[in-house]
Protein backbone atom coordinates (compact mmCIF):
# COMPACT_ATOMS: atom_id res chain seq x y z
CA MET A 1 -6.18 -69.35 -69.57
CA ARG A 2 -3.97 -70.78 -66.41
CA GLU A 3 -4.23 -67.17 -64.52
CA GLU A 4 -8.14 -67.13 -65.21
CA GLU A 5 -8.41 -70.96 -63.79
CA VAL A 6 -6.51 -69.81 -60.81
CA LYS A 7 -8.33 -66.37 -59.99
CA LYS A 8 -11.22 -68.70 -60.43
CA GLY A 9 -9.81 -71.56 -57.86
CA LEU A 10 -9.13 -68.73 -55.25
CA LYS A 11 -12.68 -66.84 -55.60
CA SER A 12 -14.49 -70.13 -55.35
CA ASP A 13 -12.70 -71.23 -52.01
CA LEU A 14 -14.85 -70.76 -48.68
CA ARG A 15 -11.75 -70.60 -46.56
CA VAL A 16 -10.42 -67.55 -48.99
CA TRP A 17 -13.34 -65.65 -48.18
CA LEU A 18 -13.38 -66.34 -44.34
CA LEU A 19 -10.02 -64.95 -44.02
CA ILE A 20 -11.17 -62.26 -45.78
CA ALA A 21 -14.20 -61.85 -43.99
CA ALA A 22 -11.89 -62.52 -40.70
CA VAL A 23 -9.59 -59.68 -41.92
CA LEU A 24 -12.20 -56.98 -42.43
CA PHE A 25 -14.03 -57.56 -39.25
CA SER A 26 -10.68 -57.18 -37.16
CA VAL A 27 -10.04 -54.02 -38.93
CA VAL A 28 -13.44 -52.46 -38.30
CA MET A 29 -13.11 -53.70 -34.40
CA ILE A 30 -9.47 -51.88 -34.44
CA HIS A 31 -11.26 -49.16 -35.86
CA PRO A 32 -8.05 -47.16 -36.84
CA TRP A 33 -8.17 -43.31 -37.94
CA TYR A 34 -6.37 -40.50 -37.49
CA SER A 35 -6.44 -36.92 -35.57
CA SER A 36 -4.51 -33.87 -35.50
CA ASP A 37 -4.49 -33.99 -31.81
CA GLU A 38 -3.67 -37.75 -31.30
CA GLY A 39 -1.90 -38.84 -34.57
CA LEU A 40 -3.05 -42.42 -35.24
CA THR A 41 -5.97 -44.21 -32.42
CA THR A 42 -7.70 -47.16 -32.82
CA ASP A 43 -9.94 -48.56 -30.33
CA LEU A 44 -7.51 -50.81 -29.06
CA ASN A 45 -6.98 -51.02 -24.66
CA TYR A 46 -3.50 -51.07 -23.90
CA GLY A 47 -1.67 -52.27 -20.51
CA LEU A 48 -0.10 -49.91 -17.58
CA ASP A 49 3.37 -50.56 -19.66
CA LEU A 50 2.24 -49.10 -23.04
CA GLU A 51 -0.16 -46.64 -22.02
CA GLY A 52 1.63 -45.38 -18.76
CA GLY A 53 -0.96 -44.97 -15.56
CA SER A 54 -0.29 -45.79 -12.07
CA TRP A 55 -0.71 -49.34 -10.04
CA ILE A 56 -1.86 -50.14 -6.81
CA GLN A 57 -1.76 -53.28 -4.31
CA ILE A 58 -4.05 -53.63 -1.61
CA ARG A 59 -4.20 -56.29 1.58
CA LEU A 60 -7.12 -57.77 2.81
CA GLN A 61 -7.40 -57.87 6.28
CA GLY A 62 -8.32 -60.37 7.86
CA ALA A 63 -7.39 -63.87 10.33
CA VAL A 64 -8.27 -67.56 10.00
CA THR A 65 -7.93 -69.32 13.45
CA GLN A 66 -9.80 -71.76 15.64
CA VAL A 67 -10.63 -70.59 18.98
CA ASP A 68 -12.77 -72.39 22.41
CA GLY A 69 -14.63 -70.62 24.76
CA ASP A 70 -17.13 -71.41 27.96
CA ILE A 71 -20.00 -71.40 27.26
CA ALA A 72 -21.30 -69.99 30.56
CA GLN A 73 -19.22 -67.07 30.20
CA MET A 74 -19.97 -66.62 26.16
CA VAL A 75 -23.98 -66.43 26.88
CA PRO A 76 -23.44 -63.78 29.48
CA ALA A 77 -21.29 -61.72 27.31
CA ILE A 78 -23.29 -61.93 24.07
CA ILE A 79 -26.85 -60.99 25.88
CA GLU A 80 -26.35 -58.73 28.74
CA PRO A 81 -24.90 -55.84 26.48
CA VAL A 82 -28.56 -56.14 24.20
CA ILE A 83 -31.15 -56.56 27.51
CA GLY A 84 -29.20 -53.85 29.44
CA SER A 85 -29.25 -55.92 32.85
CA SER A 86 -26.85 -58.80 34.16
CA ILE A 87 -27.53 -62.47 33.89
CA ASP A 88 -27.35 -65.98 35.60
CA VAL A 89 -26.41 -68.80 34.05
CA ASN A 90 -27.98 -71.54 35.85
CA THR A 91 -27.49 -74.76 33.85
CA VAL A 92 -25.76 -75.34 30.42
CA THR A 93 -26.07 -78.64 28.79
CA GLY A 94 -25.50 -80.42 25.54
CA GLY A 95 -22.20 -80.20 23.48
CA SER A 96 -19.30 -78.07 25.42
CA GLY A 97 -16.01 -79.58 24.06
CA ASP A 98 -14.69 -77.98 20.59
CA GLU A 99 -15.74 -81.07 19.21
CA PHE A 100 -19.62 -80.99 19.67
CA SER A 101 -18.75 -77.20 18.68
CA SER A 102 -22.15 -77.88 16.73
CA VAL A 103 -24.11 -80.26 18.74
CA GLY A 104 -27.20 -78.37 20.47
CA THR A 105 -27.07 -76.80 23.34
CA THR A 106 -29.24 -75.73 25.94
CA VAL A 107 -29.05 -72.99 28.17
CA VAL A 108 -31.02 -71.76 30.79
CA PHE A 109 -30.67 -68.31 32.79
CA THR A 110 -32.24 -65.59 34.63
CA THR A 111 -32.73 -61.90 34.89
CA ASP A 112 -33.74 -59.38 36.53
CA THR A 113 -35.85 -57.65 34.07
CA TYR A 114 -38.39 -57.76 31.43
CA VAL A 115 -37.12 -59.86 28.37
CA SER A 116 -39.24 -60.13 25.34
CA ASP A 117 -39.26 -62.54 22.29
CA LEU A 118 -38.03 -60.03 19.95
CA GLN A 119 -34.88 -59.37 22.13
CA MET A 120 -34.32 -63.00 22.22
CA ASP A 121 -34.95 -62.88 18.16
CA LEU A 122 -32.74 -59.80 17.52
CA ILE A 123 -29.78 -61.64 19.03
CA GLY A 124 -29.91 -64.26 16.81
CA LEU A 125 -28.15 -66.93 19.34
CA GLY A 126 -31.34 -69.76 18.42
CA ASP A 127 -34.83 -70.39 19.64
CA SER A 128 -35.84 -69.83 23.23
CA ASP A 129 -38.43 -70.02 25.65
CA ILE A 130 -39.16 -67.25 28.01
CA THR A 131 -41.08 -67.31 31.64
CA HIS A 132 -41.50 -64.10 33.37
CA SER A 133 -42.59 -63.99 37.04
CA GLY A 134 -43.08 -60.30 38.08
CA ASP A 135 -39.56 -58.86 37.11
CA THR A 136 -37.94 -61.76 36.90
CA SER A 137 -37.39 -63.48 33.79
CA GLU A 138 -36.55 -66.99 33.47
CA VAL A 139 -34.86 -68.24 29.45
CA VAL A 140 -34.73 -71.42 27.87
CA LEU A 141 -32.34 -70.77 25.26
CA TYR A 142 -31.38 -74.11 22.37
CA THR A 143 -27.75 -72.86 20.50
CA ASN A 144 -24.92 -74.40 20.27
CA LYS A 145 -21.06 -73.57 20.54
CA GLN A 146 -20.25 -72.76 17.27
CA THR A 147 -23.11 -69.91 17.32
CA LEU A 148 -21.77 -68.79 20.44
CA ILE A 149 -18.21 -67.92 19.17
CA THR A 150 -19.29 -67.17 16.19
CA GLN A 151 -21.96 -63.87 17.74
CA TYR A 152 -19.18 -63.10 20.26
CA LEU A 153 -16.61 -62.86 17.91
CA SER A 154 -18.86 -60.58 15.98
CA ASP A 155 -19.79 -58.56 18.49
CA SER A 156 -16.58 -58.11 20.30
CA LEU A 157 -14.34 -57.25 17.31
CA ASP A 158 -17.26 -55.52 15.35
CA ALA A 159 -16.77 -57.42 12.31
CA GLU A 160 -18.09 -60.37 9.73
CA VAL A 161 -17.15 -63.62 11.38
CA ILE A 162 -17.54 -66.68 9.14
CA PRO A 163 -17.40 -70.37 10.69
CA LEU A 164 -16.15 -73.34 8.67
CA PRO A 165 -16.40 -77.14 10.24
CA LEU A 166 -13.56 -79.07 9.51
CA GLY A 167 -14.32 -82.52 11.02
CA GLY A 168 -14.58 -82.39 14.08
CA SER A 169 -13.61 -78.92 14.75
CA VAL A 170 -14.46 -75.28 13.68
CA GLU A 171 -12.39 -73.05 11.58
CA TYR A 172 -13.48 -69.10 11.86
CA GLU A 173 -12.47 -66.50 9.65
CA ILE A 174 -12.69 -63.13 11.18
CA ARG A 175 -12.99 -60.86 7.79
CA LYS A 176 -11.39 -57.71 10.25
CA GLU A 177 -7.30 -57.27 11.07
CA VAL A 178 -7.20 -58.76 14.77
CA SER A 179 -3.84 -59.57 16.01
CA GLN A 180 -2.86 -62.97 17.72
CA GLU A 181 -2.55 -61.66 21.05
CA ASP A 182 -5.68 -59.15 21.14
CA LEU A 183 -7.59 -62.66 20.08
CA GLN A 184 -6.05 -64.75 22.78
CA SER A 185 -6.90 -62.07 24.93
CA LEU A 186 -10.51 -61.78 23.86
CA MET A 187 -11.40 -65.53 24.42
CA GLU A 188 -10.12 -65.44 27.83
CA ASP A 189 -12.22 -62.99 28.92
CA VAL A 190 -14.82 -66.06 28.24
CA GLY A 191 -12.49 -68.43 29.63
CA GLY A 192 -11.16 -69.91 26.41
CA SER A 193 -8.29 -69.61 24.12
CA ILE A 194 -6.76 -70.34 20.48
CA LEU A 195 -6.82 -74.05 19.97
CA THR A 196 -3.39 -75.45 18.77
CA GLU A 197 -1.99 -78.11 16.50
CA ALA A 198 -0.25 -81.13 17.81
CA ASP A 199 3.09 -79.67 18.45
CA GLY A 200 2.02 -76.86 20.06
CA THR A 201 1.23 -74.00 17.64
CA PRO A 202 -1.32 -71.83 17.72
CA ILE A 203 -4.00 -72.18 15.06
CA TYR A 204 -3.82 -68.59 13.90
CA ARG A 205 -3.13 -66.60 10.81
CA GLU A 206 -3.49 -63.54 9.09
CA GLY A 207 -4.74 -62.93 6.01
CA VAL A 208 -8.25 -64.47 4.45
CA ARG A 209 -9.56 -67.74 3.26
CA THR A 210 -8.69 -68.19 -1.08
CA GLU A 211 -12.75 -68.35 -1.57
CA THR A 212 -12.73 -64.83 0.20
CA ARG A 213 -10.14 -63.35 -1.55
CA ASP A 214 -11.18 -64.74 -5.07
CA MET A 215 -14.85 -62.78 -4.08
CA THR A 216 -13.15 -59.57 -2.97
CA ARG A 217 -11.10 -59.60 -6.48
CA ASP A 218 -14.80 -60.31 -8.50
CA ILE A 219 -16.31 -57.79 -6.46
CA LEU A 220 -13.44 -54.94 -7.21
CA SER A 221 -12.70 -55.75 -10.70
CA GLU A 222 -17.24 -55.32 -11.25
CA LYS A 223 -16.92 -51.96 -9.48
CA LEU A 224 -13.46 -50.57 -11.22
CA ASN A 225 -14.45 -51.31 -14.66
CA SER A 226 -18.75 -49.65 -14.17
CA LEU A 227 -17.06 -46.66 -13.60
CA GLY A 228 -16.81 -46.59 -17.40
CA LEU A 229 -12.68 -46.25 -17.98
CA LYS A 230 -10.59 -49.04 -19.71
CA ASP A 231 -10.56 -52.61 -18.77
CA ILE A 232 -9.27 -52.56 -15.21
CA PRO A 233 -6.82 -56.07 -14.26
CA VAL A 234 -7.61 -57.07 -10.89
CA ARG A 235 -5.16 -59.32 -9.83
CA THR A 236 -4.53 -61.50 -7.09
CA VAL A 237 -0.58 -61.91 -5.24
CA GLY A 238 -0.81 -64.27 -2.81
CA ASP A 239 -3.05 -65.42 -0.67
CA ASP A 240 -3.73 -62.31 0.58
CA TYR A 241 -2.70 -58.98 -1.65
CA ILE A 242 -4.56 -57.97 -4.79
CA LEU A 243 -2.83 -55.77 -7.45
CA ILE A 244 -5.34 -53.22 -9.84
CA ASP A 245 -3.03 -51.95 -13.14
CA PHE A 246 -5.13 -48.10 -13.99
CA ALA A 247 -3.56 -47.64 -17.53
CA GLY A 248 -4.05 -43.89 -18.43
CA THR A 249 -4.72 -42.82 -14.74
CA ASP A 250 -3.00 -40.73 -12.56
CA LEU A 251 -2.07 -42.36 -9.08
CA ALA A 252 -4.04 -39.67 -7.76
CA THR A 253 -7.30 -40.66 -9.11
CA ALA A 254 -6.37 -44.36 -8.82
CA LYS A 255 -6.09 -43.81 -5.32
CA ASP A 256 -9.34 -42.36 -5.42
CA ILE A 257 -11.24 -44.59 -7.33
CA VAL A 258 -9.61 -47.39 -5.39
CA GLU A 259 -11.12 -46.27 -2.13
CA LYS A 260 -14.60 -46.06 -3.19
CA PRO A 261 -15.20 -50.17 -3.17
CA GLY A 262 -15.68 -51.34 0.17
CA LYS A 263 -18.08 -52.53 2.23
CA PHE A 264 -22.26 -51.54 1.33
CA GLU A 265 -24.99 -51.14 3.82
CA ILE A 266 -28.15 -49.97 4.62
CA ARG A 267 -29.16 -48.41 7.77
CA VAL A 268 -31.87 -46.90 9.66
CA GLN A 269 -32.65 -44.14 12.10
CA THR A 270 -33.57 -44.80 15.54
CA GLN A 271 -33.17 -41.48 17.83
CA GLY A 272 -31.23 -38.74 16.94
CA ASN A 273 -28.37 -39.67 15.64
CA GLU A 274 -27.98 -43.36 16.05
CA THR A 275 -28.85 -45.87 13.05
CA ALA A 276 -29.36 -49.09 13.58
CA HIS A 277 -27.95 -52.03 10.55
CA VAL A 278 -30.76 -53.45 8.42
CA LEU A 279 -28.90 -55.24 5.76
CA TYR A 280 -25.43 -55.57 4.00
CA GLY A 281 -24.64 -55.11 0.05
CA ASP A 282 -24.87 -59.14 -0.22
CA ALA A 283 -28.41 -58.84 0.40
CA ILE A 284 -29.08 -56.86 -3.00
CA GLU A 285 -29.93 -59.17 -5.72
CA LYS A 286 -30.70 -56.70 -8.69
CA VAL A 287 -30.46 -53.00 -9.59
CA GLY A 288 -32.12 -51.08 -12.92
CA VAL A 289 -31.10 -48.41 -14.78
CA VAL A 290 -31.02 -45.53 -13.58
CA SER A 291 -34.83 -43.31 -14.42
CA PHE A 292 -36.83 -40.37 -14.57
CA HIS A 293 -40.26 -40.28 -13.41
CA ASP A 294 -42.54 -38.52 -11.00
CA GLY A 295 -40.11 -35.62 -11.21
CA GLN A 296 -37.13 -37.21 -9.84
CA TRP A 297 -34.73 -39.34 -11.22
CA HIS A 298 -34.28 -42.82 -9.31
CA THR A 299 -32.01 -46.21 -9.00
CA PRO A 300 -34.53 -48.87 -8.71
CA PHE A 301 -33.01 -51.91 -6.92
CA THR A 302 -34.61 -55.19 -5.72
CA LEU A 303 -33.69 -56.91 -2.70
CA SER A 304 -33.23 -61.09 -1.67
CA GLU A 305 -36.24 -61.99 0.46
CA GLU A 306 -33.97 -62.39 3.47
CA GLY A 307 -32.76 -58.71 2.95
CA ALA A 308 -36.59 -57.63 2.36
CA LEU A 309 -37.89 -59.30 6.01
CA ALA A 310 -34.88 -57.63 7.04
CA LEU A 311 -35.86 -54.25 6.25
CA GLN A 312 -39.89 -54.76 6.92
CA LYS A 313 -38.68 -56.21 10.44
CA VAL A 314 -36.59 -53.32 11.59
CA ALA A 315 -38.41 -50.80 10.09
CA MET A 316 -41.16 -51.55 12.12
CA GLU A 317 -38.95 -52.12 15.03
CA THR A 318 -37.61 -48.68 14.73
CA GLY A 319 -40.85 -46.87 13.80
CA ALA A 320 -39.84 -46.19 10.59
CA THR A 321 -43.38 -46.93 9.24
CA SER A 322 -45.40 -44.65 11.85
CA ASP A 323 -43.30 -42.20 11.59
CA PRO A 324 -41.08 -41.90 8.07
CA SER A 325 -39.61 -38.69 8.59
CA SER A 326 -38.04 -39.46 11.66
CA HIS A 327 -36.52 -42.66 10.97
CA TRP A 328 -34.73 -41.86 7.83
CA LEU A 329 -32.87 -45.38 5.81
CA TYR A 330 -28.86 -44.21 5.14
CA MET A 331 -26.65 -46.50 2.76
CA TYR A 332 -22.91 -46.14 3.78
CA LEU A 333 -19.42 -47.13 1.77
CA ASP A 334 -16.71 -47.78 4.08
CA ASP A 335 -18.88 -45.94 6.98
CA ASN A 336 -19.35 -43.48 4.55
CA GLU A 337 -22.66 -41.97 3.99
CA VAL A 338 -23.43 -42.06 0.26
CA TYR A 339 -27.51 -41.71 0.27
CA GLY A 340 -30.22 -40.44 2.40
CA ALA A 341 -33.52 -40.23 2.76
CA PRO A 342 -37.11 -41.34 4.76
CA LEU A 343 -39.17 -43.69 3.69
CA SER A 344 -42.23 -43.25 1.24
CA TYR A 345 -45.18 -42.97 3.04
CA SER A 346 -46.90 -46.02 1.10
CA ALA A 347 -44.00 -47.70 1.13
CA ALA A 348 -44.33 -47.17 4.83
CA SER A 349 -47.96 -48.06 5.20
CA ARG A 350 -47.84 -51.23 3.10
CA LEU A 351 -44.06 -52.08 4.82
CA THR A 352 -46.82 -53.35 8.06
CA GLU A 353 -48.58 -55.93 6.16
CA VAL A 354 -45.92 -57.01 4.11
CA PRO A 355 -42.09 -57.08 3.17
CA ILE A 356 -41.28 -55.11 -0.09
CA TYR A 357 -39.07 -56.87 -2.78
CA SER A 358 -38.54 -53.81 -5.10
CA TRP A 359 -37.26 -50.20 -3.98
CA GLU A 360 -36.29 -47.16 -5.78
CA ALA A 361 -33.84 -44.38 -4.05
CA SER A 362 -35.13 -40.87 -5.49
CA THR A 363 -32.35 -38.73 -5.81
CA GLY A 364 -33.77 -35.61 -6.90
CA PRO A 365 -34.83 -33.53 -10.21
CA GLU A 366 -31.62 -32.01 -10.90
CA GLU A 367 -29.10 -32.64 -13.69
CA ASP A 368 -27.08 -33.58 -10.16
CA SER A 369 -29.36 -35.67 -9.26
CA LYS A 370 -28.79 -38.39 -11.94
CA ALA A 371 -24.62 -38.29 -11.62
CA GLU A 372 -26.08 -38.68 -7.77
CA ALA A 373 -28.27 -41.47 -8.77
CA GLU A 374 -25.42 -43.23 -11.26
CA GLN A 375 -23.32 -43.29 -8.42
CA LEU A 376 -25.58 -44.90 -6.08
CA GLN A 377 -26.54 -47.26 -9.04
CA ILE A 378 -22.27 -48.54 -8.82
CA HIS A 379 -22.20 -48.38 -5.08
CA LEU A 380 -25.40 -51.01 -5.26
CA ARG A 381 -24.52 -52.93 -8.60
CA ALA A 382 -20.74 -53.53 -6.86
CA GLY A 383 -22.47 -54.78 -3.72
CA ALA A 384 -20.30 -55.40 -0.61
CA LEU A 385 -16.45 -55.82 -0.21
CA PRO A 386 -16.66 -58.86 2.08
CA VAL A 387 -13.04 -57.49 4.21
CA ASN A 388 -11.55 -54.39 4.87
CA VAL A 389 -8.52 -53.65 2.94
CA VAL A 390 -5.13 -51.53 3.48
CA LEU A 391 -2.87 -49.98 0.88
CA MET A 392 0.60 -51.44 0.68
CA GLY A 393 1.64 -50.10 -1.99
CA SER A 394 1.29 -47.79 -5.32
CA GLY A 395 3.68 -46.17 -8.00
CA GLN A 396 3.32 -44.92 -11.86
CA VAL A 397 4.38 -44.64 -15.32
CA ASP A 398 4.91 -42.01 -17.00
CA ALA A 399 2.95 -41.55 -20.07
CA ALA A 400 6.04 -40.83 -22.00
CA LEU A 401 7.39 -43.52 -20.84
CA GLY A 402 4.76 -45.97 -22.07
CA ALA A 403 4.46 -44.05 -25.12
CA GLN A 404 7.89 -45.08 -25.63
CA PHE A 405 7.50 -48.31 -24.75
CA LYS A 406 4.69 -48.54 -27.33
CA LYS A 407 6.77 -47.29 -29.92
CA GLN A 408 10.00 -49.84 -29.18
CA ALA A 409 7.07 -52.93 -29.41
CA LEU A 410 6.24 -51.81 -32.22
CA PHE A 411 9.99 -51.39 -34.17
CA ALA A 412 10.22 -54.50 -32.78
CA GLY A 413 7.62 -56.37 -34.50
CA LEU A 414 8.62 -54.83 -37.91
CA PHE A 415 12.07 -55.90 -37.62
CA ALA A 416 10.89 -59.65 -36.47
CA LEU A 417 8.86 -59.04 -39.17
CA LEU A 418 11.24 -58.39 -42.18
CA ALA A 419 13.58 -60.39 -40.81
CA VAL A 420 11.53 -63.68 -40.94
CA ALA A 421 10.81 -61.87 -44.54
CA LEU A 422 15.09 -61.70 -45.16
CA VAL A 423 15.29 -65.76 -44.48
CA VAL A 424 12.79 -66.72 -45.84
CA PHE A 425 13.72 -64.78 -49.59
CA ARG A 426 17.08 -66.17 -48.85
CA ARG A 427 15.87 -69.58 -48.42
CA TYR A 428 13.77 -69.76 -51.17
CA GLY A 429 14.88 -66.52 -52.91
CA GLN A 430 11.24 -66.22 -55.14
CA LYS A 431 9.04 -63.24 -54.75
CA GLU A 432 5.59 -65.62 -55.21
CA ILE A 433 6.54 -67.74 -52.17
CA LEU A 434 7.37 -64.09 -49.80
CA LEU A 435 4.25 -62.44 -50.28
CA PRO A 436 2.51 -64.49 -49.38
CA MET A 437 4.20 -65.79 -46.30
CA VAL A 438 4.49 -62.57 -45.05
CA GLY A 439 0.81 -60.75 -45.86
CA THR A 440 -0.36 -64.53 -44.54
CA SER A 441 1.76 -63.18 -41.12
CA ILE A 442 0.23 -59.65 -41.57
CA CYS A 443 -3.22 -61.10 -41.56
CA GLU A 444 -3.13 -62.81 -38.21
CA LEU A 445 -1.33 -60.60 -36.93
CA ILE A 446 -4.59 -58.04 -37.70
CA MET A 447 -7.00 -61.07 -36.61
CA ILE A 448 -4.83 -60.93 -33.46
CA LEU A 449 -5.62 -57.64 -32.76
CA GLY A 450 -9.26 -57.62 -33.96
CA VAL A 451 -10.04 -60.07 -31.27
CA ALA A 452 -8.09 -58.44 -28.42
CA ALA A 453 -9.83 -55.33 -29.55
CA THR A 454 -13.84 -57.25 -29.84
CA ILE A 455 -12.64 -58.97 -26.23
CA LYS A 456 -11.75 -55.87 -24.54
CA TRP A 457 -8.34 -57.32 -24.30
CA GLN A 458 -5.59 -55.39 -22.50
CA LEU A 459 -3.04 -55.26 -24.83
CA ASP A 460 0.70 -55.15 -22.81
CA LEU A 461 4.05 -55.93 -22.81
CA PRO A 462 3.98 -60.12 -22.27
CA ALA A 463 1.16 -59.45 -24.75
CA ILE A 464 3.16 -58.13 -27.50
CA ALA A 465 5.45 -60.94 -26.84
CA GLY A 466 3.02 -63.51 -27.21
CA ILE A 467 2.08 -61.82 -30.43
CA ILE A 468 5.09 -61.99 -31.96
CA ALA A 469 5.67 -66.11 -30.18
CA ALA A 470 2.65 -66.52 -32.39
CA ILE A 471 3.73 -65.49 -35.85
CA GLY A 472 6.80 -67.21 -35.46
CA THR A 473 5.20 -70.05 -34.62
CA GLY A 474 2.90 -68.98 -37.66
CA ILE A 475 6.16 -68.80 -40.01
CA ASP A 476 6.92 -72.08 -39.24
CA HIS A 477 3.83 -73.92 -40.21
CA LEU A 478 4.43 -71.79 -43.19
CA VAL A 479 7.91 -72.57 -44.10
CA ILE A 480 6.57 -76.77 -43.36
CA ILE A 481 3.42 -75.72 -45.27
CA THR A 482 5.34 -74.36 -48.88
CA ASP A 483 8.43 -77.20 -48.26
CA GLU A 484 5.45 -79.88 -48.85
CA VAL A 485 3.99 -78.07 -51.82
CA LEU A 486 7.88 -77.69 -53.55
CA TYR A 487 7.87 -81.76 -54.14
CA GLU A 488 11.77 -81.70 -54.85
CA GLY A 489 11.96 -77.91 -55.74
CA LYS A 490 8.63 -78.01 -58.09
CA LEU A 491 5.19 -78.44 -57.72
CA PRO A 492 3.89 -82.09 -57.39
CA SER A 493 1.00 -83.74 -59.26
CA THR A 494 -2.20 -82.94 -57.16
CA LYS A 495 -2.82 -86.39 -55.51
CA VAL A 496 0.89 -86.07 -54.33
CA TYR A 497 0.02 -82.55 -53.38
CA LEU A 498 -2.75 -83.56 -51.48
CA GLU A 499 -0.89 -86.68 -49.79
CA ARG A 500 1.70 -83.99 -48.47
CA ILE A 501 -0.27 -81.23 -47.72
CA THR A 502 -2.17 -83.31 -45.60
CA LYS A 503 0.69 -84.87 -43.84
CA ALA A 504 2.29 -81.41 -42.89
CA PHE A 505 -1.36 -79.97 -41.38
CA GLY A 506 -1.03 -83.16 -39.55
CA ILE A 507 2.14 -82.09 -37.86
CA ILE A 508 1.13 -78.51 -37.83
CA PHE A 509 -1.84 -79.55 -35.85
CA ALA A 510 0.28 -81.12 -33.58
CA ALA A 511 2.44 -78.46 -32.74
CA ALA A 512 -0.42 -76.19 -32.45
CA ALA A 513 -2.23 -78.16 -29.90
CA THR A 514 1.16 -78.89 -27.84
CA THR A 515 1.72 -75.10 -27.75
CA THR A 516 -2.11 -74.69 -26.42
CA ILE A 517 -1.64 -77.27 -23.92
CA ALA A 518 1.73 -75.82 -22.74
CA MET A 519 0.07 -72.75 -22.85
CA SER A 520 -2.97 -73.47 -20.74
CA PRO A 521 -1.60 -73.64 -17.40
CA LEU A 522 -0.89 -70.23 -17.34
CA VAL A 523 -4.37 -68.86 -18.86
CA VAL A 524 -6.03 -71.25 -15.57
CA MET A 525 -3.83 -70.23 -12.97
CA GLY A 526 -3.28 -66.69 -13.82
CA PHE A 527 0.22 -65.95 -13.11
CA GLY A 528 -0.28 -62.60 -13.44
CA ALA A 529 1.75 -61.05 -16.52
CA LEU A 530 2.45 -64.57 -17.87
CA LYS A 531 -1.40 -64.49 -18.33
CA GLY A 532 -1.74 -62.08 -20.97
CA PHE A 533 1.62 -63.84 -23.29
CA ALA A 534 -0.17 -66.99 -23.02
CA ILE A 535 -3.44 -65.58 -24.29
CA THR A 536 -2.33 -63.95 -27.05
CA THR A 537 -0.32 -66.71 -27.96
CA ILE A 538 -2.66 -69.50 -27.97
CA ILE A 539 -4.98 -67.09 -29.89
CA GLY A 540 -2.24 -66.33 -32.47
CA VAL A 541 -2.20 -70.08 -33.12
CA LEU A 542 -5.94 -71.22 -32.94
CA ILE A 543 -6.51 -68.16 -35.70
CA GLY A 544 -3.38 -69.20 -38.45
CA VAL A 545 -4.30 -73.31 -37.56
CA LEU A 546 -7.58 -72.88 -38.38
CA ILE A 547 -8.01 -70.11 -41.04
CA ALA A 548 -4.92 -68.76 -42.08
CA ARG A 549 -2.37 -71.53 -42.82
CA PRO A 550 -5.15 -73.55 -44.65
CA VAL A 551 -5.66 -70.47 -46.96
CA TYR A 552 -1.71 -70.04 -47.29
CA GLY A 553 -1.92 -73.30 -48.61
CA LYS A 554 -4.35 -73.32 -51.46
CA VAL A 555 -2.86 -69.30 -52.14
CA ILE A 556 0.52 -70.38 -52.89
CA LYS A 557 0.10 -73.49 -54.68
CA GLU A 558 -2.17 -71.51 -56.84
CA VAL A 559 0.36 -68.53 -57.43
CA LEU A 560 3.55 -71.56 -58.00
CA SER A 561 1.18 -72.88 -60.15
CA GLU A 562 0.56 -69.67 -62.04
CA ALA A 563 4.64 -68.99 -61.89
CA GLU A 564 5.28 -71.88 -63.81
C-alpha cells in the first residue's frame, strides 16, 4: 500500500513531469546517434580545443586624432582636382579656429573655368551660390572647418573619415592605417598640424574607436556564421584586435574565409575601364532569398533612401540611364570584383523619373549561377566592414589533439561523478540516497547539454569546466536537502519536513543567486574563454534550482519513506 502511495505521489507531481519533459527535450536536441564511420555523434558544437581546427587574429587598421588646417589652403586642395583648374580664395569669414570647427564658414573663390552646381554638389562641402562672367566663375561656399578637414583627409588618404565633436574640438577617426608622421606631413601641406595635449603630446593613436571595433566584430560574426559552418565565435581582444576560432576547419580554409569579408561597394562604369563610386554596403537595408524566375537566378536586395537616391544620381550623371549597356554596375569586396552587369532597360528608364529601392542581381540560368547568387547574397547581407584589417597571427590545433582533449574532458567528468558518488555513499551508506542523487546530477548534465545544443553554444574546455563546477555545486545543494530531510537520521513529520525543506531551499536559492551574480560580469564583459565557463555555470545552476532540486527534494522523501 505504501509503495502505491509513493508512486501515485510522484506521478501526480507536476515538477516530476517537468523534469522528465526537460530531459527528453534535451536528448532530442543533443540527438545522439551512432555511425560506423564516425562512431557516437551528437548535434553538440565543440570548440577549437575539443574539435581541433585553427585560429586567426586580425588587427583593425586606423587612427584616431585631432588636427587643424587652414581653410584658405584646404578649399583649393579639395576643389581643384575636381574642377580641373586652379582657384583663388578671395575671402574666408566665420569660424577659423578649431573651437569653431562646426560653426558656419563662408568661402568666396574664383576660377577661370566654368563651375556647375552639380560639380559643387558632388564635392559635398555644403551649399553654394555660383555666378558666371564669361569663362570666370565666382563661387560663394557655405561650409565649416569640420567638413573641410573630413573631406580633405578622406580625399587625400582615400579612406572613410568619421568626425566626432568633443566639446570645443573634434576627434577624427581615419579608417585606414596612417602613421603619425604621414598625417603630420599631410596637414602641413594645408597649413595645419596634429593638435597636442597640454604637455605637448600629439593627440594621435593607432587603432579605432570601441564602437567601430564592435561594429567590425558584429559584421564579421554575421558574415562568417552565414556561410553555413559551425558556429564561429568572434571575440575582441583589446581595442584593436579580433580573435576568430574555426573549430574543425584547417588553417588554409580559415584564412580564405576571413579574407572574404571586407568593404562592400557598388560602382558604375563611366568610360572605358573607369568607374565611379555609387554606395557602400551600409546603404543596403535588406537582402532577400535567392530565387529563380524569368529563366535566371536572382539575388534581391533593398536600398535605403540615401542609397537609392545616390544610385539614381550617379546613373543619370554617367549616362547609365540612356545607354545602360555601356555603363555596367559593379560590386566589389575589398576592391575585388564579385559581380558585374548592366542595368536592365526597364530599370534605366524608370531611374530617369524616380529612385528605385528594390533591386535584383541576376547571375544566369546554370547551376553555377545559383551558387554565385548565394555567394552574392552573403556579401550583400554582411554589409561593409568599416575598416581594413590585417592578419596578425594564426595557428592550428590538430584534430587528433582535439579528440584527445574531448576524451580527457569526458573522463574527467565521469571521474568527478564517480568520486562524488563514493563520498556520498560513504557519508550516508544508503543506496536509496545515492541513486536519486547521482540520477539527479545526470539529469542536470543532460539538460545543460540540451540547452547548449539548442542555442548552438560551442563547448570548449572552459565550458566543460563550468559544467563540472555546476554539477559540483548541485551536489552541495543535494547534500543540504538530504541533511534537512533526514531529521536526526530519520524522516521527520510532514510539518517538520516542510519547515526544514523550506529552510534548505532558502539556503540553496541564496547560494545560486550569489553564484549567478558573481559570474555575470564575466558574461557581460566577455573575457574570452572565461565567458564560456561563466555561461555554462550559470545555466547549470539555474537548471538545478528551478527544475532538478525541487524534484530531488520530493523524490528523496518518498524514497526514504518507502525504505522505512
